[in-house]
Amino acid sequence: GIEDTRGKTLFVAGNIADGNNRGIIIEDSFSSDQDIRLESNSANANDAPGVTGSPTGIYIHNSDNGTYVDNVVADNGAYGFDIDAPSDNNVFNNNNATGNGDEDFHDLGSGSCGSGNSFSLPACM
C-alpha cells in the first residue's frame, strides 16, 4: 500500500513469511523515484493454494530496480523468487534459494544481476 517513498529507501527487513500462497509480494514499484530494498527476510514453505498465482516465496510484480540482499527462500510450492515480465533491472546479492518446487529463481523480466546467490546471475556492472 505504499505508493511513494519520496526519494527515500523503503526497507523490508527481518520478516518471516511461512505457510502462505505468496510469502512476500513487491508490486508496482516501477518509477525512478522509488527505492525498495528487501534484506534478511525468510520466506519458507509458502505452498498454500491461491486464486491469483503460483505458490512463491518472494513474488516481484511490475517492479524495477529493487535490491534483494541476504534473503532465505526455501521449500516454497513453485518458485523461490518469481519475477514477472514487466519487472526489470533488479539486483540480487547473497540470497539463498533452495528446494523450491519448480525453480529457485524464475525471472521473466530483463536485466537482473547480482553475486553471491545460490542461483546464477550475471554480475552487475
Protein backbone atom coordinates (compact mmCIF):
# COMPACT_ATOMS: atom_id res chain seq x y z
CA GLY A 1 0.00 0.00 0.00
CA ILE A 2 2.99 2.37 -0.04
CA GLU A 3 2.78 4.39 -3.23
CA ASP A 4 5.64 6.87 -2.90
CA THR A 5 8.91 6.57 -0.98
CA ARG A 6 9.57 10.31 -1.57
CA GLY A 7 13.14 9.63 -2.62
CA LYS A 8 13.92 7.56 0.48
CA THR A 9 14.56 3.82 0.71
CA LEU A 10 11.76 1.53 1.82
CA PHE A 11 13.35 -1.34 3.78
CA VAL A 12 11.52 -4.62 4.25
CA ALA A 13 13.79 -6.47 6.66
CA GLY A 14 13.80 -9.24 9.23
CA ASN A 15 10.40 -10.71 8.38
CA ILE A 16 9.31 -14.35 8.40
CA ALA A 17 6.63 -15.42 5.91
CA ASP A 18 5.69 -19.10 6.15
CA GLY A 19 2.70 -21.15 5.02
CA ASN A 20 1.08 -18.65 2.64
CA ASN A 21 0.38 -18.75 -1.09
CA ARG A 22 2.94 -15.99 -1.65
CA GLY A 23 5.23 -15.09 1.21
CA ILE A 24 6.27 -11.55 0.29
CA ILE A 25 4.95 -9.51 -2.64
CA ILE A 26 6.61 -6.44 -4.12
CA GLU A 27 4.20 -4.89 -6.59
CA ASP A 28 4.03 -1.85 -8.87
CA SER A 29 7.31 -0.26 -7.84
CA PHE A 30 8.46 0.93 -11.23
CA SER A 31 9.13 4.66 -11.01
CA SER A 32 12.65 6.01 -10.79
CA ASP A 33 11.93 7.87 -7.54
CA GLN A 34 11.14 4.71 -5.55
CA ASP A 35 13.83 2.65 -3.84
CA ILE A 36 12.81 -0.78 -2.47
CA ARG A 37 15.20 -3.00 -0.51
CA LEU A 38 14.37 -6.46 0.87
CA GLU A 39 17.01 -7.62 3.30
CA SER A 40 17.37 -10.57 5.68
CA ASN A 41 13.86 -11.95 5.23
CA SER A 42 12.80 -15.59 5.43
CA ALA A 43 10.10 -16.91 3.08
CA ASN A 44 9.70 -20.65 3.53
CA ALA A 45 7.02 -23.30 2.89
CA ASN A 46 4.71 -20.90 1.08
CA ASP A 47 2.82 -23.61 -0.73
CA ALA A 48 -0.85 -22.95 0.09
CA PRO A 49 -3.27 -22.89 -2.84
CA GLY A 50 -4.25 -19.47 -4.09
CA VAL A 51 -6.53 -17.98 -6.70
CA THR A 52 -4.05 -15.46 -8.11
CA GLY A 53 -0.88 -17.38 -8.82
CA SER A 54 1.75 -19.96 -8.13
CA PRO A 55 2.92 -20.54 -4.55
CA THR A 56 6.08 -18.47 -4.21
CA GLY A 57 8.48 -17.26 -1.53
CA ILE A 58 9.08 -13.74 -2.91
CA TYR A 59 6.96 -12.51 -5.81
CA ILE A 60 8.07 -9.42 -7.73
CA HIS A 61 5.33 -7.95 -9.94
CA ASN A 62 5.71 -4.94 -12.22
CA SER A 63 8.67 -3.67 -10.17
CA ASP A 64 12.03 -2.36 -11.38
CA ASN A 65 15.36 -1.53 -9.74
CA GLY A 66 14.75 -3.27 -6.41
CA THR A 67 17.57 -4.61 -4.24
CA TYR A 68 17.30 -8.06 -2.61
CA VAL A 69 20.03 -8.99 -0.11
CA ASP A 70 20.57 -11.87 2.35
CA ASN A 71 17.09 -13.38 1.98
CA VAL A 72 16.42 -17.08 2.63
CA VAL A 73 13.75 -18.55 0.36
CA ALA A 74 13.26 -22.32 0.73
CA ASP A 75 10.77 -25.11 0.15
CA ASN A 76 8.09 -22.98 -1.48
CA GLY A 77 5.45 -24.57 -3.73
CA ALA A 78 6.53 -23.41 -7.19
CA TYR A 79 9.23 -20.73 -7.00
CA GLY A 80 11.66 -19.22 -4.54
CA PHE A 81 11.86 -15.87 -6.31
CA ASP A 82 9.28 -15.26 -9.05
CA ILE A 83 9.91 -12.15 -11.16
CA ASP A 84 7.32 -11.32 -13.81
CA ALA A 85 7.93 -9.93 -17.31
CA PRO A 86 7.45 -6.20 -16.58
CA SER A 87 10.00 -6.34 -13.71
CA ASP A 88 13.47 -5.27 -14.86
CA ASN A 89 16.93 -4.36 -13.57
CA ASN A 90 16.64 -5.84 -10.08
CA VAL A 91 19.76 -6.60 -8.04
CA PHE A 92 20.16 -9.83 -6.03
CA ASN A 93 23.11 -10.32 -3.65
CA ASN A 94 23.82 -13.12 -1.17
CA ASN A 95 20.37 -14.72 -1.34
CA ASN A 96 19.83 -18.40 -0.61
CA ALA A 97 17.00 -20.07 -2.55
CA THR A 98 16.82 -23.87 -2.28
CA GLY A 99 14.33 -26.70 -2.51
CA ASN A 100 11.60 -24.71 -4.25
CA GLY A 101 9.18 -26.77 -6.36
CA ASP A 102 9.78 -25.71 -9.98
CA GLU A 103 12.65 -23.23 -9.80
CA ASP A 104 14.60 -21.41 -7.13
CA PHE A 105 14.85 -18.30 -9.33
CA HIS A 106 12.22 -17.73 -12.04
CA ASP A 107 12.87 -14.46 -13.91
CA LEU A 108 10.74 -13.37 -16.86
CA GLY A 109 12.00 -9.78 -16.65
CA SER A 110 15.27 -8.46 -18.01
CA GLY A 111 18.48 -7.03 -16.65
CA SER A 112 18.60 -8.77 -13.26
CA CYS A 113 22.12 -9.09 -11.89
CA GLY A 114 23.98 -9.88 -8.69
CA SER A 115 26.51 -12.04 -6.88
CA GLY A 116 26.88 -14.49 -4.02
CA ASN A 117 23.48 -16.11 -4.57
CA SER A 118 22.67 -19.82 -4.58
CA PHE A 119 21.46 -19.27 -8.18
CA SER A 120 23.39 -17.89 -11.14
CA LEU A 121 23.09 -14.32 -12.37
CA PRO A 122 25.39 -12.05 -14.36
CA ALA A 123 27.47 -9.66 -12.27
CA CYS A 124 26.17 -6.11 -12.02
CA MET A 125 28.10 -3.51 -13.94
